């Protein structure tokens, strides 16, 4: 799928142009890594460098179920969505897990996050996926305001068992 502008309010004088959403490409690495570092800082996460390196390689690989989208405004990458397709025991159609979605703090509220979600959902429909799902922190009010406009939170409770080496 090529880059495209998504439906929304057309740009007018003094307003930011509509975000462009497209597949991540190798030339986005520096911008993606800057945004990724801000995302990790937001969550207080410190994955090892090899995990970040692996994630980047997987986002670009055509042989991996992981893929990435970016949104740009006037040629500047301002956000990303890291996603993974997974099989399901409940359907023959794959499910898409939106693992990470992030927009630069100075670009929030201008439609970049919504554009990423809209594009991901459009791809799900075009490709016959069963669903798109994601998690967020209960207190992530800014993100939840957007998510509540796009989807309905369900009653699933997540359990995690950390496995240490």
C-alpha atoms as a PDB file:
ATOM      1  CA  UNK A   1       0.000   0.000   0.000  1.00  0.00           C
ATOM      2  CA  UNK A   2       1.414   3.389  -0.911  1.00  0.00           C
ATOM      3  CA  UNK A   3       1.447   6.515   1.189  1.00  0.00           C
ATOM      4  CA  UNK A   4      -1.804   8.382   1.287  1.00  0.00           C
ATOM      5  CA  UNK A   5      -3.498  11.236   2.984  1.00  0.00           C
ATOM      6  CA  UNK A   6      -6.405  10.132   5.098  1.00  0.00           C
ATOM      7  CA  UNK A   7      -9.820  11.736   5.326  1.00  0.00           C
ATOM      8  CA  UNK A   8     -10.040  14.702   7.598  1.00  0.00           C
ATOM      9  CA  UNK A   9     -10.216  18.421   7.598  1.00  0.00           C
ATOM     10  CA  UNK A  10      -8.274  19.812   4.649  1.00  0.00           C
ATOM     11  CA  UNK A  11      -5.341  22.029   5.500  1.00  0.00           C
ATOM     12  CA  UNK A  12      -6.124  25.705   5.525  1.00  0.00           C
ATOM     13  CA  UNK A  13      -3.913  28.738   5.873  1.00  0.00           C
ATOM     14  CA  UNK A  14      -2.240  28.631   9.266  1.00  0.00           C
ATOM     15  CA  UNK A  15      -3.120  24.990   9.981  1.00  0.00           C
ATOM     16  CA  UNK A  16      -0.930  21.931   9.825  1.00  0.00           C
ATOM     17  CA  UNK A  17      -1.264  19.837   6.638  1.00  0.00           C
ATOM     18  CA  UNK A  18      -2.995  16.469   6.878  1.00  0.00           C
ATOM     19  CA  UNK A  19      -0.670  13.668   8.003  1.00  0.00           C
ATOM     20  CA  UNK A  20       0.624  11.203   5.420  1.00  0.00           C
ATOM     21  CA  UNK A  21       0.711   7.547   6.539  1.00  0.00           C
ATOM     22  CA  UNK A  22       2.951   4.974   4.894  1.00  0.00           C
ATOM     23  CA  UNK A  23       4.959   1.838   5.558  1.00  0.00           C
ATOM     24  CA  UNK A  24       8.196   2.370   7.434  1.00  0.00           C
ATOM     25  CA  UNK A  25      11.314   2.316   5.257  1.00  0.00           C
ATOM     26  CA  UNK A  26      15.038   2.064   5.936  1.00  0.00           C
ATOM     27  CA  UNK A  27      15.545   5.803   5.493  1.00  0.00           C
ATOM     28  CA  UNK A  28      13.235   6.405   8.505  1.00  0.00           C
ATOM     29  CA  UNK A  29      15.627   4.784  10.965  1.00  0.00           C
ATOM     30  CA  UNK A  30      17.007   7.950  12.609  1.00  0.00           C
ATOM     31  CA  UNK A  31      13.540   9.500  12.983  1.00  0.00           C
ATOM     32  CA  UNK A  32      12.019   6.225  14.228  1.00  0.00           C
ATOM     33  CA  UNK A  33      14.805   5.792  16.789  1.00  0.00           C
ATOM     34  CA  UNK A  34      14.321   9.350  18.106  1.00  0.00           C
ATOM     35  CA  UNK A  35      10.582   8.753  18.489  1.00  0.00           C
ATOM     36  CA  UNK A  36      11.203   5.280  19.962  1.00  0.00           C
ATOM     37  CA  UNK A  37      13.520   6.785  22.590  1.00  0.00           C
ATOM     38  CA  UNK A  38      10.803   9.308  23.544  1.00  0.00           C
ATOM     39  CA  UNK A  39       8.222   6.503  23.676  1.00  0.00           C
ATOM     40  CA  UNK A  40      10.429   4.437  25.994  1.00  0.00           C
ATOM     41  CA  UNK A  41      11.068   7.484  28.170  1.00  0.00           C
ATOM     42  CA  UNK A  42       7.304   8.070  28.427  1.00  0.00           C
ATOM     43  CA  UNK A  43       6.804   4.509  29.704  1.00  0.00           C
ATOM     44  CA  UNK A  44       9.970   4.445  31.805  1.00  0.00           C
ATOM     45  CA  UNK A  45      11.132   1.415  29.835  1.00  0.00           C
ATOM     46  CA  UNK A  46      14.732   0.473  29.150  1.00  0.00           C
ATOM     47  CA  UNK A  47      14.851  -2.514  26.804  1.00  0.00           C
ATOM     48  CA  UNK A  48      18.332  -3.678  25.840  1.00  0.00           C
ATOM     49  CA  UNK A  49      19.809  -2.133  22.693  1.00  0.00           C
ATOM     50  CA  UNK A  50      19.641  -5.499  20.932  1.00  0.00           C
ATOM     51  CA  UNK A  51      15.842  -5.516  21.403  1.00  0.00           C
ATOM     52  CA  UNK A  52      15.554  -2.105  19.737  1.00  0.00           C
ATOM     53  CA  UNK A  53      17.898  -3.199  16.940  1.00  0.00           C
ATOM     54  CA  UNK A  54      15.898  -6.385  16.447  1.00  0.00           C
ATOM     55  CA  UNK A  55      12.600  -4.504  16.435  1.00  0.00           C
ATOM     56  CA  UNK A  56      13.867  -2.123  13.763  1.00  0.00           C
ATOM     57  CA  UNK A  57      15.072  -4.992  11.561  1.00  0.00           C
ATOM     58  CA  UNK A  58      11.797  -6.874  12.018  1.00  0.00           C
ATOM     59  CA  UNK A  59       9.736  -3.813  11.054  1.00  0.00           C
ATOM     60  CA  UNK A  60      11.561  -3.738   7.709  1.00  0.00           C
ATOM     61  CA  UNK A  61      11.578  -7.489   7.037  1.00  0.00           C
ATOM     62  CA  UNK A  62       9.073  -8.931   4.599  1.00  0.00           C
ATOM     63  CA  UNK A  63       9.568 -12.341   6.241  1.00  0.00           C
ATOM     64  CA  UNK A  64       8.418 -11.326   9.715  1.00  0.00           C
ATOM     65  CA  UNK A  65       4.850 -10.893  10.989  1.00  0.00           C
ATOM     66  CA  UNK A  66       5.913  -7.570  12.506  1.00  0.00           C
ATOM     67  CA  UNK A  67       5.498  -4.417  10.401  1.00  0.00           C
ATOM     68  CA  UNK A  68       5.565  -0.688  10.920  1.00  0.00           C
ATOM     69  CA  UNK A  69       3.766   2.404   9.765  1.00  0.00           C
ATOM     70  CA  UNK A  70       4.880   6.005  10.112  1.00  0.00           C
ATOM     71  CA  UNK A  71       3.044   9.259   9.783  1.00  0.00           C
ATOM     72  CA  UNK A  72       4.748  12.315   8.420  1.00  0.00           C
ATOM     73  CA  UNK A  73       3.843  15.953   8.078  1.00  0.00           C
ATOM     74  CA  UNK A  74       5.613  17.982   5.410  1.00  0.00           C
ATOM     75  CA  UNK A  75       8.224  15.238   5.021  1.00  0.00           C
ATOM     76  CA  UNK A  76       8.993  14.927   8.751  1.00  0.00           C
ATOM     77  CA  UNK A  77       8.216  11.621  10.487  1.00  0.00           C
ATOM     78  CA  UNK A  78       6.154  12.568  13.558  1.00  0.00           C
ATOM     79  CA  UNK A  79       4.761   9.208  14.686  1.00  0.00           C
ATOM     80  CA  UNK A  80       4.852   5.462  14.317  1.00  0.00           C
ATOM     81  CA  UNK A  81       2.822   2.310  14.797  1.00  0.00           C
ATOM     82  CA  UNK A  82       4.623  -0.999  15.418  1.00  0.00           C
ATOM     83  CA  UNK A  83       2.334  -3.925  14.683  1.00  0.00           C
ATOM     84  CA  UNK A  84       2.416  -7.714  14.554  1.00  0.00           C
ATOM     85  CA  UNK A  85       0.097 -10.139  12.808  1.00  0.00           C
ATOM     86  CA  UNK A  86      -0.672 -13.275  14.766  1.00  0.00           C
ATOM     87  CA  UNK A  87      -2.596 -16.450  14.227  1.00  0.00           C
ATOM     88  CA  UNK A  88      -5.723 -17.169  16.181  1.00  0.00           C
ATOM     89  CA  UNK A  89      -7.264 -20.310  17.588  1.00  0.00           C
ATOM     90  CA  UNK A  90     -10.661 -18.647  17.082  1.00  0.00           C
ATOM     91  CA  UNK A  91     -10.377 -17.808  13.397  1.00  0.00           C
ATOM     92  CA  UNK A  92      -8.466 -18.669  10.247  1.00  0.00           C
ATOM     93  CA  UNK A  93      -7.951 -14.938   9.716  1.00  0.00           C
ATOM     94  CA  UNK A  94      -4.979 -13.242  11.382  1.00  0.00           C
ATOM     95  CA  UNK A  95      -5.336 -10.712  14.176  1.00  0.00           C
ATOM     96  CA  UNK A  96      -3.240  -7.557  14.284  1.00  0.00           C
ATOM     97  CA  UNK A  97      -1.693  -6.527  17.580  1.00  0.00           C
ATOM     98  CA  UNK A  98      -0.829  -2.838  17.605  1.00  0.00           C
ATOM     99  CA  UNK A  99       2.133  -3.125  19.951  1.00  0.00           C
ATOM    100  CA  UNK A 100       3.254   0.495  20.023  1.00  0.00           C
ATOM    101  CA  UNK A 101       1.742   3.749  18.819  1.00  0.00           C
ATOM    102  CA  UNK A 102       3.483   7.055  19.430  1.00  0.00           C
ATOM    103  CA  UNK A 103       3.296  10.610  18.147  1.00  0.00           C
ATOM    104  CA  UNK A 104       5.820  13.307  19.049  1.00  0.00           C
ATOM    105  CA  UNK A 105       4.469  15.367  21.924  1.00  0.00           C
ATOM    106  CA  UNK A 106       4.580  18.605  19.936  1.00  0.00           C
ATOM    107  CA  UNK A 107       2.486  17.009  17.152  1.00  0.00           C
ATOM    108  CA  UNK A 108      -0.317  15.509  19.231  1.00  0.00           C
ATOM    109  CA  UNK A 109      -3.868  16.655  18.673  1.00  0.00           C
ATOM    110  CA  UNK A 110      -3.318  17.382  14.971  1.00  0.00           C
ATOM    111  CA  UNK A 111      -4.562  14.016  13.663  1.00  0.00           C
ATOM    112  CA  UNK A 112      -1.323  12.019  13.336  1.00  0.00           C
ATOM    113  CA  UNK A 113      -2.343   9.309  15.821  1.00  0.00           C
ATOM    114  CA  UNK A 114      -5.835   9.053  14.346  1.00  0.00           C
ATOM    115  CA  UNK A 115      -4.341   8.806  10.864  1.00  0.00           C
ATOM    116  CA  UNK A 116      -2.150   5.880  11.958  1.00  0.00           C
ATOM    117  CA  UNK A 117      -5.124   4.076  13.499  1.00  0.00           C
ATOM    118  CA  UNK A 118      -7.335   4.766  10.478  1.00  0.00           C
ATOM    119  CA  UNK A 119      -4.699   3.409   8.096  1.00  0.00           C
ATOM    120  CA  UNK A 120      -4.144   0.295  10.210  1.00  0.00           C
ATOM    121  CA  UNK A 121      -7.880  -0.397  10.361  1.00  0.00           C
ATOM    122  CA  UNK A 122      -8.179   0.190   6.605  1.00  0.00           C
ATOM    123  CA  UNK A 123      -5.398  -2.356   6.011  1.00  0.00           C
ATOM    124  CA  UNK A 124      -7.169  -4.816   8.289  1.00  0.00           C
ATOM    125  CA  UNK A 125     -10.353  -4.495   6.239  1.00  0.00           C
ATOM    126  CA  UNK A 126      -8.511  -4.712   2.901  1.00  0.00           C
ATOM    127  CA  UNK A 127      -6.589  -7.813   3.994  1.00  0.00           C
ATOM    128  CA  UNK A 128      -9.435  -9.617   5.768  1.00  0.00           C
ATOM    129  CA  UNK A 129      -7.869  -9.610   9.222  1.00  0.00           C
ATOM    130  CA  UNK A 130     -10.147 -10.657  12.086  1.00  0.00           C
ATOM    131  CA  UNK A 131      -9.420  -7.689  14.354  1.00  0.00           C
ATOM    132  CA  UNK A 132      -6.957  -5.033  15.436  1.00  0.00           C
ATOM    133  CA  UNK A 133      -6.307  -4.737  19.160  1.00  0.00           C
ATOM    134  CA  UNK A 134      -4.009  -2.887  21.523  1.00  0.00           C
ATOM    135  CA  UNK A 135      -3.401  -2.149  25.200  1.00  0.00           C
ATOM    136  CA  UNK A 136      -2.662   1.072  27.023  1.00  0.00           C
ATOM    137  CA  UNK A 137      -2.154   2.177  30.578  1.00  0.00           C
ATOM    138  CA  UNK A 138      -5.361   3.012  32.441  1.00  0.00           C
ATOM    139  CA  UNK A 139      -4.052   6.485  33.265  1.00  0.00           C
ATOM    140  CA  UNK A 140      -2.901   7.334  29.727  1.00  0.00           C
ATOM    141  CA  UNK A 141      -5.730   9.849  29.383  1.00  0.00           C
ATOM    142  CA  UNK A 142      -4.412  11.517  26.221  1.00  0.00           C
ATOM    143  CA  UNK A 143      -4.157   8.245  24.290  1.00  0.00           C
ATOM    144  CA  UNK A 144      -7.436   6.918  25.662  1.00  0.00           C
ATOM    145  CA  UNK A 145      -9.264  10.006  24.453  1.00  0.00           C
ATOM    146  CA  UNK A 146      -8.190   9.082  20.914  1.00  0.00           C
ATOM    147  CA  UNK A 147      -8.744   5.340  21.362  1.00  0.00           C
ATOM    148  CA  UNK A 148     -12.261   5.855  22.702  1.00  0.00           C
ATOM    149  CA  UNK A 149     -13.138   7.643  19.443  1.00  0.00           C
ATOM    150  CA  UNK A 150     -11.920   4.694  17.353  1.00  0.00           C
ATOM    151  CA  UNK A 151     -12.742   1.552  19.323  1.00  0.00           C
ATOM    152  CA  UNK A 152     -14.500   0.203  22.382  1.00  0.00           C
ATOM    153  CA  UNK A 153     -12.514  -1.016  25.368  1.00  0.00           C
ATOM    154  CA  UNK A 154     -13.429  -4.568  26.333  1.00  0.00           C
ATOM    155  CA  UNK A 155     -13.464  -6.377  29.664  1.00  0.00           C
ATOM    156  CA  UNK A 156     -10.308  -8.412  29.085  1.00  0.00           C
ATOM    157  CA  UNK A 157      -7.875  -8.483  31.993  1.00  0.00           C
ATOM    158  CA  UNK A 158      -4.258  -9.081  31.071  1.00  0.00           C
ATOM    159  CA  UNK A 159      -2.031 -11.317  33.189  1.00  0.00           C
ATOM    160  CA  UNK A 160       1.742 -11.289  32.826  1.00  0.00           C
ATOM    161  CA  UNK A 161       4.375 -13.679  34.125  1.00  0.00           C
ATOM    162  CA  UNK A 162       7.818 -12.142  33.615  1.00  0.00           C
ATOM    163  CA  UNK A 163      10.364 -14.766  32.623  1.00  0.00           C
ATOM    164  CA  UNK A 164      13.878 -13.863  33.697  1.00  0.00           C
ATOM    165  CA  UNK A 165      17.082 -15.511  32.637  1.00  0.00           C
END
